[in-house]
C-alpha atoms as a PDB file:
ATOM      1  CA  MET A   1     -39.838  15.268  35.285  1.00  0.00           C
ATOM      2  CA  THR A   2     -37.821  12.138  34.735  1.00  0.00           C
ATOM      3  CA  SER A   3     -35.564  11.649  31.784  1.00  0.00           C
ATOM      4  CA  THR A   4     -35.891   8.641  29.544  1.00  0.00           C
ATOM      5  CA  PRO A   5     -32.765   6.474  29.625  1.00  0.00           C
ATOM      6  CA  ASP A   6     -30.790   6.490  26.403  1.00  0.00           C
ATOM      7  CA  THR A   7     -31.157   2.984  25.058  1.00  0.00           C
ATOM      8  CA  HIS A   8     -28.894   3.667  22.054  1.00  0.00           C
ATOM      9  CA  THR A   9     -25.723   1.624  22.306  1.00  0.00           C
ATOM     10  CA  GLN A  10     -22.484   2.411  20.554  1.00  0.00           C
ATOM     11  CA  SER A  11     -20.144  -0.174  19.131  1.00  0.00           C
ATOM     12  CA  THR A  12     -17.040  -0.902  21.154  1.00  0.00           C
ATOM     13  CA  PRO A  13     -13.612  -0.648  19.470  1.00  0.00           C
ATOM     14  CA  ASP A  14     -13.417  -4.451  19.399  1.00  0.00           C
ATOM     15  CA  GLU A  15     -16.820  -4.704  17.744  1.00  0.00           C
ATOM     16  CA  SER A  16     -15.901  -2.045  15.160  1.00  0.00           C
ATOM     17  CA  SER A  17     -12.646  -3.823  14.412  1.00  0.00           C
ATOM     18  CA  ALA A  18     -14.433  -7.156  13.990  1.00  0.00           C
ATOM     19  CA  SER A  19     -17.005  -5.556  11.692  1.00  0.00           C
ATOM     20  CA  LEU A  20     -14.249  -4.011   9.565  1.00  0.00           C
ATOM     21  CA  CYS A  21     -12.491  -7.375   9.307  1.00  0.00           C
ATOM     22  CA  GLN A  22     -15.741  -8.990   8.196  1.00  0.00           C
ATOM     23  CA  LEU A  23     -16.239  -6.335   5.505  1.00  0.00           C
ATOM     24  CA  ARG A  24     -12.687  -6.843   4.242  1.00  0.00           C
ATOM     25  CA  ALA A  25     -13.103 -10.614   4.203  1.00  0.00           C
ATOM     26  CA  LYS A  26     -16.372 -10.311   2.280  1.00  0.00           C
ATOM     27  CA  ARG A  27     -14.760  -7.902  -0.196  1.00  0.00           C
ATOM     28  CA  GLU A  28     -11.889 -10.319  -0.796  1.00  0.00           C
ATOM     29  CA  GLN A  29     -14.378 -13.165  -1.227  1.00  0.00           C
ATOM     30  CA  ILE A  30     -16.105 -11.129  -3.944  1.00  0.00           C
ATOM     31  CA  LEU A  31     -12.801 -10.249  -5.631  1.00  0.00           C
ATOM     32  CA  GLN A  32     -11.811 -13.923  -5.734  1.00  0.00           C
ATOM     33  CA  GLY A  33     -15.112 -14.801  -7.365  1.00  0.00           C
ATOM     34  CA  ALA A  34     -14.731 -11.912  -9.806  1.00  0.00           C
ATOM     35  CA  GLU A  35     -11.247 -13.088 -10.756  1.00  0.00           C
ATOM     36  CA  LYS A  36     -12.513 -16.544 -11.704  1.00  0.00           C
ATOM     37  CA  VAL A  37     -15.379 -15.158 -13.774  1.00  0.00           C
ATOM     38  CA  PHE A  38     -13.370 -12.430 -15.540  1.00  0.00           C
ATOM     39  CA  LEU A  39     -10.566 -14.833 -16.463  1.00  0.00           C
ATOM     40  CA  ALA A  40     -12.998 -17.481 -17.681  1.00  0.00           C
ATOM     41  CA  SER A  41     -15.488 -15.265 -19.531  1.00  0.00           C
ATOM     42  CA  GLY A  42     -13.637 -12.025 -20.261  1.00  0.00           C
ATOM     43  CA  TYR A  43     -14.995  -8.646 -19.265  1.00  0.00           C
ATOM     44  CA  GLU A  44     -17.927  -8.431 -21.681  1.00  0.00           C
ATOM     45  CA  GLY A  45     -18.962 -12.026 -21.046  1.00  0.00           C
ATOM     46  CA  ALA A  46     -18.935 -11.677 -17.275  1.00  0.00           C
ATOM     47  CA  SER A  47     -22.131 -10.698 -15.470  1.00  0.00           C
ATOM     48  CA  MET A  48     -22.733  -9.512 -11.931  1.00  0.00           C
ATOM     49  CA  SER A  49     -25.057 -12.499 -11.452  1.00  0.00           C
ATOM     50  CA  GLN A  50     -22.266 -14.909 -12.392  1.00  0.00           C
ATOM     51  CA  ILE A  51     -19.835 -13.151 -10.081  1.00  0.00           C
ATOM     52  CA  ALA A  52     -22.283 -13.200  -7.160  1.00  0.00           C
ATOM     53  CA  ARG A  53     -22.894 -16.909  -7.708  1.00  0.00           C
ATOM     54  CA  GLU A  54     -19.164 -17.712  -7.980  1.00  0.00           C
ATOM     55  CA  ALA A  55     -18.379 -15.617  -4.892  1.00  0.00           C
ATOM     56  CA  GLY A  56     -21.177 -17.232  -2.896  1.00  0.00           C
ATOM     57  CA  VAL A  57     -22.931 -13.944  -2.089  1.00  0.00           C
ATOM     58  CA  SER A  58     -26.272 -12.390  -2.961  1.00  0.00           C
ATOM     59  CA  LYS A  59     -26.530  -9.739  -5.660  1.00  0.00           C
ATOM     60  CA  GLY A  60     -27.592  -7.324  -2.937  1.00  0.00           C
ATOM     61  CA  THR A  61     -24.365  -7.950  -1.039  1.00  0.00           C
ATOM     62  CA  LEU A  62     -22.381  -7.603  -4.240  1.00  0.00           C
ATOM     63  CA  TYR A  63     -23.942  -4.221  -5.019  1.00  0.00           C
ATOM     64  CA  ASN A  64     -23.391  -3.077  -1.433  1.00  0.00           C
ATOM     65  CA  HIS A  65     -19.671  -3.344  -2.151  1.00  0.00           C
ATOM     66  CA  PHE A  66     -19.515  -2.354  -5.833  1.00  0.00           C
ATOM     67  CA  ASP A  67     -21.924  -0.240  -7.856  1.00  0.00           C
ATOM     68  CA  GLY A  68     -21.295  -2.125 -11.095  1.00  0.00           C
ATOM     69  CA  LYS A  69     -19.004  -4.301 -13.174  1.00  0.00           C
ATOM     70  CA  ALA A  70     -16.632  -1.469 -14.090  1.00  0.00           C
ATOM     71  CA  SER A  71     -15.882  -0.531 -10.481  1.00  0.00           C
ATOM     72  CA  LEU A  72     -15.573  -4.205  -9.550  1.00  0.00           C
ATOM     73  CA  PHE A  73     -13.060  -4.856 -12.322  1.00  0.00           C
ATOM     74  CA  SER A  74     -11.024  -1.796 -11.333  1.00  0.00           C
ATOM     75  CA  ALA A  75     -10.949  -2.895  -7.694  1.00  0.00           C
ATOM     76  CA  PHE A  76     -10.009  -6.438  -8.660  1.00  0.00           C
ATOM     77  CA  PHE A  77      -7.243  -5.239 -10.979  1.00  0.00           C
ATOM     78  CA  GLU A  78      -5.913  -2.772  -8.389  1.00  0.00           C
ATOM     79  CA  GLU A  79      -5.716  -5.379  -5.628  1.00  0.00           C
ATOM     80  CA  ARG A  80      -4.045  -8.005  -7.792  1.00  0.00           C
ATOM     81  CA  SER A  81      -1.599  -5.422  -9.183  1.00  0.00           C
ATOM     82  CA  LYS A  82      -0.523  -4.445  -5.676  1.00  0.00           C
ATOM     83  CA  THR A  83       0.420  -8.046  -4.970  1.00  0.00           C
ATOM     84  CA  LYS A  84       2.177  -8.682  -8.272  1.00  0.00           C
ATOM     85  CA  LEU A  85       4.069  -5.363  -8.316  1.00  0.00           C
ATOM     86  CA  ALA A  86       5.254  -5.600  -4.709  1.00  0.00           C
ATOM     87  CA  PRO A  87       8.558  -7.399  -5.558  1.00  0.00           C
ATOM     88  CA  ILE A  88       9.489  -4.749  -8.157  1.00  0.00           C
ATOM     89  CA  GLU A  89       8.665  -1.958  -5.739  1.00  0.00           C
ATOM     90  CA  ALA A  90      10.708  -3.642  -3.007  1.00  0.00           C
ATOM     91  CA  ILE A  91      13.798  -3.803  -5.248  1.00  0.00           C
ATOM     92  CA  SER A  92      13.386  -0.154  -6.250  1.00  0.00           C
ATOM     93  CA  ARG A  93      13.380   0.853  -2.564  1.00  0.00           C
ATOM     94  CA  GLU A  94      16.602  -0.985  -1.705  1.00  0.00           C
ATOM     95  CA  GLU A  95      19.661   1.143  -1.161  1.00  0.00           C
ATOM     96  CA  GLY A  96      23.313   0.346  -1.660  1.00  0.00           C
ATOM     97  CA  GLN A  97      23.069  -2.277  -4.388  1.00  0.00           C
ATOM     98  CA  ASN A  98      25.110  -2.035  -7.560  1.00  0.00           C
ATOM     99  CA  VAL A  99      23.052  -0.366 -10.280  1.00  0.00           C
ATOM    100  CA  HIS A 100      23.736  -3.093 -12.869  1.00  0.00           C
ATOM    101  CA  THR A 101      22.770  -5.813 -10.392  1.00  0.00           C
ATOM    102  CA  ALA A 102      19.618  -3.906  -9.482  1.00  0.00           C
ATOM    103  CA  LEU A 103      18.691  -3.477 -13.155  1.00  0.00           C
ATOM    104  CA  ARG A 104      19.124  -7.183 -13.756  1.00  0.00           C
ATOM    105  CA  ARG A 105      16.976  -8.046 -10.739  1.00  0.00           C
ATOM    106  CA  LEU A 106      14.304  -5.556 -11.786  1.00  0.00           C
ATOM    107  CA  ALA A 107      14.271  -6.940 -15.335  1.00  0.00           C
ATOM    108  CA  GLU A 108      14.050 -10.564 -14.216  1.00  0.00           C
ATOM    109  CA  THR A 109      11.261  -9.779 -11.735  1.00  0.00           C
ATOM    110  CA  ALA A 110       9.312  -7.780 -14.337  1.00  0.00           C
ATOM    111  CA  ILE A 111       9.636 -10.523 -16.956  1.00  0.00           C
ATOM    112  CA  LYS A 112       8.414 -13.186 -14.525  1.00  0.00           C
ATOM    113  CA  MET A 113       5.525 -10.950 -13.462  1.00  0.00           C
ATOM    114  CA  MET A 114       4.394 -10.421 -17.068  1.00  0.00           C
ATOM    115  CA  LEU A 115       4.709 -14.156 -17.805  1.00  0.00           C
ATOM    116  CA  ASN A 116       2.461 -15.070 -14.888  1.00  0.00           C
ATOM    117  CA  PRO A 117      -0.628 -16.852 -16.326  1.00  0.00           C
ATOM    118  CA  THR A 118      -3.059 -14.446 -14.649  1.00  0.00           C
ATOM    119  CA  SER A 119      -1.089 -11.459 -15.954  1.00  0.00           C
ATOM    120  CA  MET A 120      -1.148 -12.955 -19.441  1.00  0.00           C
ATOM    121  CA  ASP A 121      -4.897 -13.587 -19.358  1.00  0.00           C
ATOM    122  CA  LEU A 122      -5.661 -10.091 -18.067  1.00  0.00           C
ATOM    123  CA  TYR A 123      -3.443  -8.501 -20.704  1.00  0.00           C
ATOM    124  CA  ARG A 124      -5.273 -10.369 -23.472  1.00  0.00           C
ATOM    125  CA  ILE A 125      -8.671  -9.381 -22.042  1.00  0.00           C
ATOM    126  CA  ILE A 126      -7.698  -5.708 -21.831  1.00  0.00           C
ATOM    127  CA  VAL A 127      -6.168  -5.550 -25.317  1.00  0.00           C
ATOM    128  CA  GLY A 128      -9.080  -7.475 -26.820  1.00  0.00           C
ATOM    129  CA  GLU A 129     -11.887  -5.507 -25.172  1.00  0.00           C
ATOM    130  CA  ALA A 130     -10.525  -2.013 -24.455  1.00  0.00           C
ATOM    131  CA  GLY A 131     -11.991  -0.739 -27.737  1.00  0.00           C
ATOM    132  CA  LYS A 132     -15.500  -1.349 -26.381  1.00  0.00           C
ATOM    133  CA  PHE A 133     -14.689  -0.707 -22.736  1.00  0.00           C
ATOM    134  CA  PRO A 134     -12.136   2.115 -22.279  1.00  0.00           C
ATOM    135  CA  ASN A 135     -12.305   1.674 -18.498  1.00  0.00           C
ATOM    136  CA  LEU A 136     -10.239  -1.514 -18.933  1.00  0.00           C
ATOM    137  CA  ALA A 137      -7.314   0.393 -20.422  1.00  0.00           C
ATOM    138  CA  ASP A 138      -7.674   3.039 -17.720  1.00  0.00           C
ATOM    139  CA  ALA A 139      -7.484   0.403 -14.965  1.00  0.00           C
ATOM    140  CA  PHE A 140      -4.503  -1.284 -16.647  1.00  0.00           C
ATOM    141  CA  TRP A 141      -2.581   1.972 -16.949  1.00  0.00           C
ATOM    142  CA  ARG A 142      -3.511   3.435 -13.567  1.00  0.00           C
ATOM    143  CA  TYR A 143      -2.921   0.373 -11.410  1.00  0.00           C
ATOM    144  CA  GLY A 144      -0.557  -1.717 -13.528  1.00  0.00           C
ATOM    145  CA  PHE A 145       1.780  -0.390 -16.182  1.00  0.00           C
ATOM    146  CA  GLY A 146       1.516   3.256 -15.146  1.00  0.00           C
ATOM    147  CA  ARG A 147       2.223   2.436 -11.506  1.00  0.00           C
ATOM    148  CA  THR A 148       5.265   0.398 -12.530  1.00  0.00           C
ATOM    149  CA  LEU A 149       6.581   3.239 -14.689  1.00  0.00           C
ATOM    150  CA  HIS A 150       6.114   5.728 -11.865  1.00  0.00           C
ATOM    151  CA  ASN A 151       8.153   3.611  -9.428  1.00  0.00           C
ATOM    152  CA  LEU A 152      10.870   2.880 -11.972  1.00  0.00           C
ATOM    153  CA  SER A 153      11.072   6.536 -12.965  1.00  0.00           C
ATOM    154  CA  ASP A 154      11.613   7.578  -9.339  1.00  0.00           C
ATOM    155  CA  TRP A 155      14.283   4.922  -8.910  1.00  0.00           C
ATOM    156  CA  LEU A 156      16.072   5.925 -12.114  1.00  0.00           C
ATOM    157  CA  ARG A 157      15.950   9.583 -11.095  1.00  0.00           C
ATOM    158  CA  ARG A 158      17.634   8.765  -7.786  1.00  0.00           C
ATOM    159  CA  ARG A 159      20.307   6.693  -9.515  1.00  0.00           C
ATOM    160  CA  SER A 160      20.941   9.477 -12.001  1.00  0.00           C
ATOM    161  CA  ASP A 161      21.195  12.055  -9.202  1.00  0.00           C
ATOM    162  CA  ALA A 162      23.783   9.780  -7.554  1.00  0.00           C
ATOM    163  CA  GLY A 163      25.861   9.741 -10.773  1.00  0.00           C
ATOM    164  CA  GLU A 164      25.378   6.010 -11.413  1.00  0.00           C
ATOM    165  CA  LEU A 165      23.341   6.700 -14.562  1.00  0.00           C
ATOM    166  CA  VAL A 166      23.067   9.672 -16.889  1.00  0.00           C
ATOM    167  CA  ILE A 167      19.365  10.211 -17.609  1.00  0.00           C
ATOM    168  CA  GLU A 168      17.705  13.422 -18.763  1.00  0.00           C
ATOM    169  CA  ASP A 169      14.185  11.986 -18.959  1.00  0.00           C
ATOM    170  CA  PRO A 170      13.576   9.291 -16.294  1.00  0.00           C
ATOM    171  CA  ASP A 171       9.955   8.803 -17.385  1.00  0.00           C
ATOM    172  CA  PHE A 172      11.000   7.902 -20.916  1.00  0.00           C
ATOM    173  CA  ALA A 173      13.880   5.763 -19.648  1.00  0.00           C
ATOM    174  CA  ALA A 174      11.443   3.795 -17.467  1.00  0.00           C
ATOM    175  CA  GLU A 175       9.333   3.027 -20.534  1.00  0.00           C
ATOM    176  CA  GLN A 176      12.444   1.948 -22.438  1.00  0.00           C
ATOM    177  CA  LEU A 177      13.367  -0.445 -19.646  1.00  0.00           C
ATOM    178  CA  MET A 178       9.899  -2.012 -19.606  1.00  0.00           C
ATOM    179  CA  ILE A 179       9.884  -2.347 -23.399  1.00  0.00           C
ATOM    180  CA  LEU A 180      13.229  -4.150 -23.250  1.00  0.00           C
ATOM    181  CA  CYS A 181      11.764  -6.512 -20.647  1.00  0.00           C
ATOM    182  CA  GLN A 182       8.975  -7.487 -23.060  1.00  0.00           C
ATOM    183  CA  ALA A 183      11.303  -8.388 -25.928  1.00  0.00           C
ATOM    184  CA  ARG A 184      11.687 -11.947 -27.176  1.00  0.00           C
ATOM    185  CA  ILE A 185       9.901 -13.952 -24.505  1.00  0.00           C
ATOM    186  CA  VAL A 186       6.921 -11.917 -23.269  1.00  0.00           C
ATOM    187  CA  HIS A 187       5.631 -10.819 -26.677  1.00  0.00           C
ATOM    188  CA  ARG A 188       5.725 -14.370 -28.001  1.00  0.00           C
ATOM    189  CA  ARG A 189       3.998 -15.826 -24.961  1.00  0.00           C
ATOM    190  CA  ARG A 190       1.214 -13.240 -25.263  1.00  0.00           C
ATOM    191  CA  LEU A 191       0.620 -14.476 -28.783  1.00  0.00           C
ATOM    192  CA  MET A 192       0.927 -18.113 -27.655  1.00  0.00           C
ATOM    193  CA  LEU A 193       3.916 -18.634 -29.933  1.00  0.00           C
ATOM    194  CA  PRO A 194       6.571 -21.209 -29.040  1.00  0.00           C
ATOM    195  CA  VAL A 195       9.403 -19.700 -27.025  1.00  0.00           C
ATOM    196  CA  ASP A 196      11.878 -20.788 -24.394  1.00  0.00           C
ATOM    197  CA  ASP A 197      10.592 -19.246 -21.171  1.00  0.00           C
ATOM    198  CA  SER A 198      12.654 -21.389 -18.822  1.00  0.00           C
ATOM    199  CA  PRO A 199      14.280 -19.787 -15.757  1.00  0.00           C
ATOM    200  CA  GLU A 200      17.608 -19.920 -17.586  1.00  0.00           C
ATOM    201  CA  ALA A 201      16.204 -18.100 -20.628  1.00  0.00           C
ATOM    202  CA  ILE A 202      14.595 -15.466 -18.418  1.00  0.00           C
ATOM    203  CA  SER A 203      17.855 -14.949 -16.534  1.00  0.00           C
ATOM    204  CA  ARG A 204      19.807 -14.540 -19.782  1.00  0.00           C
ATOM    205  CA  LEU A 205      17.293 -12.031 -21.105  1.00  0.00           C
ATOM    206  CA  ALA A 206      17.411 -10.064 -17.847  1.00  0.00           C
ATOM    207  CA  GLY A 207      21.194  -9.874 -18.188  1.00  0.00           C
ATOM    208  CA  VAL A 208      20.988  -8.688 -21.790  1.00  0.00           C
ATOM    209  CA  THR A 209      18.371  -6.114 -20.770  1.00  0.00           C
ATOM    210  CA  ALA A 210      20.572  -4.730 -17.988  1.00  0.00           C
ATOM    211  CA  ASN A 211      23.597  -4.598 -20.313  1.00  0.00           C
ATOM    212  CA  SER A 212      21.608  -2.851 -23.050  1.00  0.00           C
ATOM    213  CA  PHE A 213      20.220  -0.287 -20.621  1.00  0.00           C
ATOM    214  CA  MET A 214      23.681   0.465 -19.230  1.00  0.00           C
ATOM    215  CA  LYS A 215      24.995   1.018 -22.760  1.00  0.00           C
ATOM    216  CA  ILE A 216      22.352   3.700 -23.220  1.00  0.00           C
ATOM    217  CA  TYR A 217      22.520   5.378 -19.828  1.00  0.00           C
ATOM    218  CA  GLY A 218      25.684   4.196 -18.080  1.00  0.00           C
ATOM    219  CA  PRO A 219      28.192   6.973 -17.317  1.00  0.00           C
ATOM    220  CA  ASP A 220      30.968   5.062 -19.090  1.00  0.00           C
ATOM    221  CA  HIS A 221      29.047   5.149 -22.373  1.00  0.00           C
ATOM    222  CA  GLN A 222      28.259   8.876 -22.522  1.00  0.00           C
END
């Protein structure tokens, strides 16, 4: 009895790697199309058909990657948040820098991030539509503001353990720092009110924010 040759072929590592790269490229292509549609039409006004057309893919391909608009928005928001939050996370990982200098750098970076036009548009969409679509607020908190607070809280805890700050509740202190960063400039820009948001104004506000935070939590002020 002769055996039938196995005609099934397995993918080589190079072929698997190429396939994975293609999937990632297609996913990013979809996310770029989704970004344009969400920012132009809002969440409620955006449709999967519009996104497929803008991304240059079929609806079948779109649904192979995402099962609906909610999961697509979450993925889009997560990916863009990773990019925008990277500078803040990099500063929080640095060791050996003066705590006041680090606070000022963190504040200035956070202010610039929140003033970014895409950040502004997404914030307005989420605030305006979260009442109808709670998943928007969940995505914002999980991948944006909540992630920032988590990283800042860890950084503040380490600084407090080192004796550079005196903080009993790092989670609350992280929220205080982010609220200070939104004062004056960010709040007004969100409402499209006139405000000086020049680099010089941002730098001054970052300095005031760092000084204010040190007056609350600095060891010399306890």
